[in-house]
Amino acid sequence: MIPPSDMQLIGNELAIVWQDGTESYISAQLLRARSPSASVSGEKDIFGTQYGGESGKDYSDVAIESWQPVGAYAFRFHFSDGHNTGIYSYDLLRKLGES
């Protein structure tokens, strides 16, 4: 996992500069929709049955209010709708920036 060297908000996008010089831009809407939190993505039982989740929800008015590091591998974001339980690994942020 390569950590970012800098992260800033530009409008409603998270701009990330990675230590290898790559830049990623992730909209607050995409970041919120792809939260790895079980309350957003739901959970599957051993038979593959999905429980919970927020599929199809509109996040177009959601903004990133702040973030904090989690260990040396991830960040937790705080969104304007009150969501703050997803832990976004560096790898996940890199993938979201490539999509």
Protein backbone atom coordinates (compact mmCIF):
# COMPACT_ATOMS: atom_id res chain seq x y z
CA MET A 1 0.00 0.00 0.00
CA ILE A 2 1.38 3.34 -1.06
CA PRO A 3 0.19 6.18 1.21
CA PRO A 4 -0.80 9.54 -0.20
CA SER A 5 1.67 12.41 0.11
CA ASP A 6 -1.12 15.03 0.10
CA MET A 7 -4.93 15.19 0.18
CA GLN A 8 -7.11 18.27 -0.29
CA LEU A 9 -10.68 19.17 -1.06
CA ILE A 10 -11.17 20.97 -4.36
CA GLY A 11 -14.81 21.93 -4.60
CA ASN A 12 -16.71 18.70 -4.03
CA GLU A 13 -13.82 16.44 -5.00
CA LEU A 14 -11.09 14.83 -2.97
CA ALA A 15 -7.73 15.39 -4.67
CA ILE A 16 -5.00 12.92 -3.74
CA VAL A 17 -1.35 13.06 -4.70
CA TRP A 18 0.31 9.68 -4.23
CA GLN A 19 3.95 9.23 -3.34
CA ASP A 20 4.66 7.90 -6.84
CA GLY A 21 3.38 11.18 -8.34
CA THR A 22 0.02 9.86 -9.52
CA GLU A 23 -2.97 12.13 -8.88
CA SER A 24 -6.50 10.93 -8.11
CA TYR A 25 -9.73 12.91 -8.05
CA ILE A 26 -12.75 11.34 -6.34
CA SER A 27 -16.12 13.04 -6.07
CA ALA A 28 -17.74 13.18 -2.64
CA GLN A 29 -20.76 11.44 -4.16
CA LEU A 30 -18.69 8.45 -5.35
CA LEU A 31 -16.72 8.29 -2.11
CA ARG A 32 -19.94 8.21 -0.07
CA ALA A 33 -21.66 5.69 -2.34
CA ARG A 34 -18.69 3.30 -2.22
CA SER A 35 -18.27 3.39 1.54
CA PRO A 36 -16.92 0.03 2.73
CA SER A 37 -19.18 0.28 5.77
CA ALA A 38 -21.60 -2.61 6.32
CA SER A 39 -24.41 -0.08 6.75
CA VAL A 40 -23.85 1.04 3.13
CA SER A 41 -22.72 -2.08 1.32
CA GLY A 42 -24.72 -4.54 3.41
CA GLU A 43 -23.57 -7.95 4.55
CA LYS A 44 -23.94 -11.44 3.09
CA ASP A 45 -24.53 -14.60 5.07
CA ILE A 46 -22.75 -17.88 4.28
CA PHE A 47 -25.40 -18.65 1.63
CA GLY A 48 -24.85 -15.36 -0.18
CA THR A 49 -28.08 -13.71 0.93
CA GLN A 50 -27.65 -9.93 1.13
CA TYR A 51 -28.85 -8.09 4.23
CA GLY A 52 -29.05 -4.34 4.58
CA GLY A 53 -27.24 -1.80 2.49
CA GLU A 54 -28.18 1.44 0.79
CA SER A 55 -28.19 0.55 -2.90
CA GLY A 56 -29.78 3.12 -5.18
CA LYS A 57 -29.60 5.97 -2.67
CA ASP A 58 -28.89 9.48 -4.01
CA TYR A 59 -25.72 11.06 -2.62
CA SER A 60 -25.55 14.02 -5.01
CA ASP A 61 -25.88 16.59 -2.20
CA VAL A 62 -23.36 14.93 0.13
CA ALA A 63 -20.11 16.74 0.92
CA ILE A 64 -16.92 15.65 2.63
CA GLU A 65 -16.60 17.55 5.91
CA SER A 66 -13.34 16.08 7.22
CA TRP A 67 -11.18 12.97 7.43
CA GLN A 68 -8.77 11.37 9.84
CA PRO A 69 -6.07 8.74 9.42
CA VAL A 70 -6.69 5.20 10.64
CA GLY A 71 -3.39 3.57 11.46
CA ALA A 72 -0.91 3.65 8.60
CA TYR A 73 -3.25 2.15 6.00
CA ALA A 74 -6.54 4.06 5.71
CA PHE A 75 -8.73 7.12 6.31
CA ARG A 76 -12.15 7.62 7.87
CA PHE A 77 -14.25 10.31 6.21
CA HIS A 78 -17.00 12.38 7.79
CA PHE A 79 -19.79 13.32 5.38
CA SER A 80 -22.42 16.05 5.58
CA ASP A 81 -25.20 13.45 5.91
CA GLY A 82 -23.67 12.17 9.17
CA HIS A 83 -22.07 9.01 7.75
CA ASN A 84 -18.62 8.30 9.20
CA THR A 85 -18.27 4.55 9.70
CA GLY A 86 -16.44 3.49 6.53
CA ILE A 87 -12.69 2.93 6.67
CA TYR A 88 -11.15 3.58 3.26
CA SER A 89 -7.83 1.79 2.74
CA TYR A 90 -5.19 3.42 0.57
CA ASP A 91 -5.78 0.66 -1.99
CA LEU A 92 -9.52 1.39 -2.12
CA LEU A 93 -8.90 5.11 -2.55
CA ARG A 94 -6.45 4.39 -5.37
CA LYS A 95 -9.01 2.15 -7.12
CA LEU A 96 -11.77 4.73 -6.74
CA GLY A 97 -9.47 7.35 -8.24
CA GLU A 98 -8.87 5.12 -11.28
CA SER A 99 -12.55 4.48 -11.97
